[in-house]
Amino acid sequence: MNQPIINDRTAQLLKQLIQRLHFIDRKSGFVGEAS
């Protein structure tokens, strides 16, 4: 019964979200896409 709480796909999405949040935070709350 050692099933992971989140699967790989969800983990990847969370990582992308965290990276975007850090990017937005660096821009002082400016929401924009990289490049």
PDB file of N, CA and C in Angstrom:
ATOM      1  N   MET A   1       0.850  -1.213   0.000  1.00  0.00           N
ATOM      2  CA  MET A   1       0.000   0.000   0.000  1.00  0.00           C
ATOM      3  C   MET A   1       0.880   1.255   0.000  1.00  0.00           C
ATOM      4  N   ASN A   2       1.984   1.199  -0.742  1.00  0.00           N
ATOM      5  CA  ASN A   2       2.859   2.364  -0.803  1.00  0.00           C
ATOM      6  C   ASN A   2       2.648   3.115  -2.112  1.00  0.00           C
ATOM      7  N   GLN A   3       1.412   3.470  -2.385  1.00  0.00           N
ATOM      8  CA  GLN A   3       1.139   4.203  -3.622  1.00  0.00           C
ATOM      9  C   GLN A   3       1.510   5.672  -3.456  1.00  0.00           C
ATOM     10  N   PRO A   4       2.165   6.260  -4.464  1.00  0.00           N
ATOM     11  CA  PRO A   4       2.523   7.680  -4.391  1.00  0.00           C
ATOM     12  C   PRO A   4       1.265   8.536  -4.391  1.00  0.00           C
ATOM     13  N   ILE A   5       1.293   9.625  -3.648  1.00  0.00           N
ATOM     14  CA  ILE A   5       0.118  10.497  -3.569  1.00  0.00           C
ATOM     15  C   ILE A   5      -0.132  11.166  -4.919  1.00  0.00           C
ATOM     16  N   ILE A   6       0.943  11.557  -5.595  1.00  0.00           N
ATOM     17  CA  ILE A   6       0.787  12.200  -6.898  1.00  0.00           C
ATOM     18  C   ILE A   6       1.602  11.435  -7.928  1.00  0.00           C
ATOM     19  N   ASN A   7       1.055  11.327  -9.126  1.00  0.00           N
ATOM     20  CA  ASN A   7       1.764  10.595 -10.176  1.00  0.00           C
ATOM     21  C   ASN A   7       2.817  11.487 -10.837  1.00  0.00           C
ATOM     22  N   ASP A   8       3.587  10.910 -11.762  1.00  0.00           N
ATOM     23  CA  ASP A   8       4.684  11.653 -12.392  1.00  0.00           C
ATOM     24  C   ASP A   8       4.166  12.865 -13.154  1.00  0.00           C
ATOM     25  N   ARG A   9       3.069  12.699 -13.877  1.00  0.00           N
ATOM     26  CA  ARG A   9       2.561  13.814 -14.689  1.00  0.00           C
ATOM     27  C   ARG A   9       2.165  14.978 -13.790  1.00  0.00           C
ATOM     28  N   THR A  10       1.486  14.660 -12.679  1.00  0.00           N
ATOM     29  CA  THR A  10       1.082  15.726 -11.762  1.00  0.00           C
ATOM     30  C   THR A  10       2.305  16.404 -11.160  1.00  0.00           C
ATOM     31  N   ALA A  11       3.320  15.615 -10.833  1.00  0.00           N
ATOM     32  CA  ALA A  11       4.541  16.180 -10.261  1.00  0.00           C
ATOM     33  C   ALA A  11       5.192  17.136 -11.253  1.00  0.00           C
ATOM     34  N   GLN A  12       5.227  16.757 -12.524  1.00  0.00           N
ATOM     35  CA  GLN A  12       5.836  17.624 -13.542  1.00  0.00           C
ATOM     36  C   GLN A  12       5.052  18.925 -13.663  1.00  0.00           C
ATOM     37  N   LEU A  13       3.721  18.831 -13.628  1.00  0.00           N
ATOM     38  CA  LEU A  13       2.897  20.040 -13.726  1.00  0.00           C
ATOM     39  C   LEU A  13       3.157  20.945 -12.524  1.00  0.00           C
ATOM     40  N   LEU A  14       3.288  20.350 -11.349  1.00  0.00           N
ATOM     41  CA  LEU A  14       3.553  21.148 -10.151  1.00  0.00           C
ATOM     42  C   LEU A  14       4.902  21.848 -10.271  1.00  0.00           C
ATOM     43  N   LYS A  15       5.899  21.150 -10.794  1.00  0.00           N
ATOM     44  CA  LYS A  15       7.223  21.759 -10.962  1.00  0.00           C
ATOM     45  C   LYS A  15       7.144  22.948 -11.907  1.00  0.00           C
ATOM     46  N   GLN A  16       6.399  22.780 -13.007  1.00  0.00           N
ATOM     47  CA  GLN A  16       6.251  23.879 -13.967  1.00  0.00           C
ATOM     48  C   GLN A  16       5.549  25.057 -13.312  1.00  0.00           C
ATOM     49  N   LEU A  17       4.522  24.775 -12.517  1.00  0.00           N
ATOM     50  CA  LEU A  17       3.796  25.845 -11.827  1.00  0.00           C
ATOM     51  C   LEU A  17       4.718  26.597 -10.879  1.00  0.00           C
ATOM     52  N   ILE A  18       5.513  25.849 -10.117  1.00  0.00           N
ATOM     53  CA  ILE A  18       6.431  26.481  -9.168  1.00  0.00           C
ATOM     54  C   ILE A  18       7.433  27.358  -9.910  1.00  0.00           C
ATOM     55  N   GLN A  19       7.953  26.860 -11.031  1.00  0.00           N
ATOM     56  CA  GLN A  19       8.918  27.637 -11.805  1.00  0.00           C
ATOM     57  C   GLN A  19       8.270  28.913 -12.319  1.00  0.00           C
ATOM     58  N   ARG A  20       7.014  28.818 -12.772  1.00  0.00           N
ATOM     59  CA  ARG A  20       6.321  30.016 -13.265  1.00  0.00           C
ATOM     60  C   ARG A  20       6.092  31.008 -12.133  1.00  0.00           C
ATOM     61  N   LEU A  21       5.743  30.483 -10.952  1.00  0.00           N
ATOM     62  CA  LEU A  21       5.520  31.377  -9.813  1.00  0.00           C
ATOM     63  C   LEU A  21       6.804  32.114  -9.459  1.00  0.00           C
ATOM     64  N   HIS A  22       7.933  31.407  -9.475  1.00  0.00           N
ATOM     65  CA  HIS A  22       9.214  32.046  -9.180  1.00  0.00           C
ATOM     66  C   HIS A  22       9.527  33.095 -10.240  1.00  0.00           C
ATOM     67  N   PHE A  23       9.205  32.789 -11.505  1.00  0.00           N
ATOM     68  CA  PHE A  23       9.464  33.723 -12.600  1.00  0.00           C
ATOM     69  C   PHE A  23       8.632  34.985 -12.406  1.00  0.00           C
ATOM     70  N   ILE A  24       7.352  34.802 -12.065  1.00  0.00           N
ATOM     71  CA  ILE A  24       6.469  35.954 -11.859  1.00  0.00           C
ATOM     72  C   ILE A  24       6.944  36.754 -10.647  1.00  0.00           C
ATOM     73  N   ASP A  25       7.359  36.044  -9.586  1.00  0.00           N
ATOM     74  CA  ASP A  25       7.816  36.718  -8.376  1.00  0.00           C
ATOM     75  C   ASP A  25       9.050  37.561  -8.676  1.00  0.00           C
ATOM     76  N   ARG A  26       9.919  37.048  -9.533  1.00  0.00           N
ATOM     77  CA  ARG A  26      11.132  37.797  -9.896  1.00  0.00           C
ATOM     78  C   ARG A  26      10.762  39.075 -10.631  1.00  0.00           C
ATOM     79  N   LYS A  27       9.678  39.010 -11.405  1.00  0.00           N
ATOM     80  CA  LYS A  27       9.255  40.174 -12.191  1.00  0.00           C
ATOM     81  C   LYS A  27       8.394  41.118 -11.356  1.00  0.00           C
ATOM     82  N   SER A  28       8.411  40.938 -10.036  1.00  0.00           N
ATOM     83  CA  SER A  28       7.655  41.822  -9.144  1.00  0.00           C
ATOM     84  C   SER A  28       6.163  41.776  -9.456  1.00  0.00           C
ATOM     85  N   GLY A  29       5.636  40.572  -9.660  1.00  0.00           N
ATOM     86  CA  GLY A  29       4.202  40.432  -9.862  1.00  0.00           C
ATOM     87  C   GLY A  29       3.790  40.655 -11.308  1.00  0.00           C
ATOM     88  N   PHE A  30       4.738  40.907 -12.205  1.00  0.00           N
ATOM     89  CA  PHE A  30       4.392  41.095 -13.615  1.00  0.00           C
ATOM     90  C   PHE A  30       4.151  39.737 -14.267  1.00  0.00           C
ATOM     91  N   VAL A  31       2.933  39.539 -14.780  1.00  0.00           N
ATOM     92  CA  VAL A  31       2.604  38.248 -15.381  1.00  0.00           C
ATOM     93  C   VAL A  31       2.945  38.287 -16.867  1.00  0.00           C
ATOM     94  N   GLY A  32       3.897  37.477 -17.273  1.00  0.00           N
ATOM     95  CA  GLY A  32       4.278  37.444 -18.684  1.00  0.00           C
ATOM     96  C   GLY A  32       4.936  36.126 -19.018  1.00  0.00           C
ATOM     97  N   GLU A  33       4.902  35.764 -20.288  1.00  0.00           N
ATOM     98  CA  GLU A  33       5.502  34.489 -20.680  1.00  0.00           C
ATOM     99  C   GLU A  33       6.965  34.690 -21.051  1.00  0.00           C
ATOM    100  N   ALA A  34       7.788  33.717 -20.750  1.00  0.00           N
ATOM    101  CA  ALA A  34       9.199  33.803 -21.091  1.00  0.00           C
ATOM    102  C   ALA A  34       9.350  33.848 -22.610  1.00  0.00           C
ATOM    103  N   SER A  35      10.334  34.633 -23.078  1.00  0.00           N
ATOM    104  CA  SER A  35      10.546  34.813 -24.519  1.00  0.00           C
ATOM    105  C   SER A  35       9.298  35.445 -25.087  1.00  0.00           C
TER     106      SER A  35
END
